[in-house]
Amino acid sequence: MQEANIQGIKVELDIDGYRAKRSRILRKVATRAEKVVGESEGAIYFDPMPKSERDQIHAFLQDSETVRSFPEGQGDERAVVVAPLTKLND
């Protein structure tokens, strides 16, 4: 998806349903991370990704009873970490 903001007009270009396809992939990745972290009690560190994708991962996991997600890093190196809820007080 490409975005442009020209003189106050925001234009988004979504070719061949890319945004919906990417969202489905992110949901699958978040669901898999939730399962793996729940079974292993370890954390998963995602590679850096755009803010819009990080936000989707956080949204997909916000109601989880077994894991939580949080950001880590700065700028272009900002990524998502998925960790067990039991690790919150460690």
Foldseek 3Di string as FASTA:
>chain_A
DDWDQDPNDIDDDQPPNNVVVVLVVLLVVLVVQQVVQQVPQAKDWDFFDDPVSQVSSQVSCVPPPFWHKDWDDDDSRITIMIGTPVPPVD
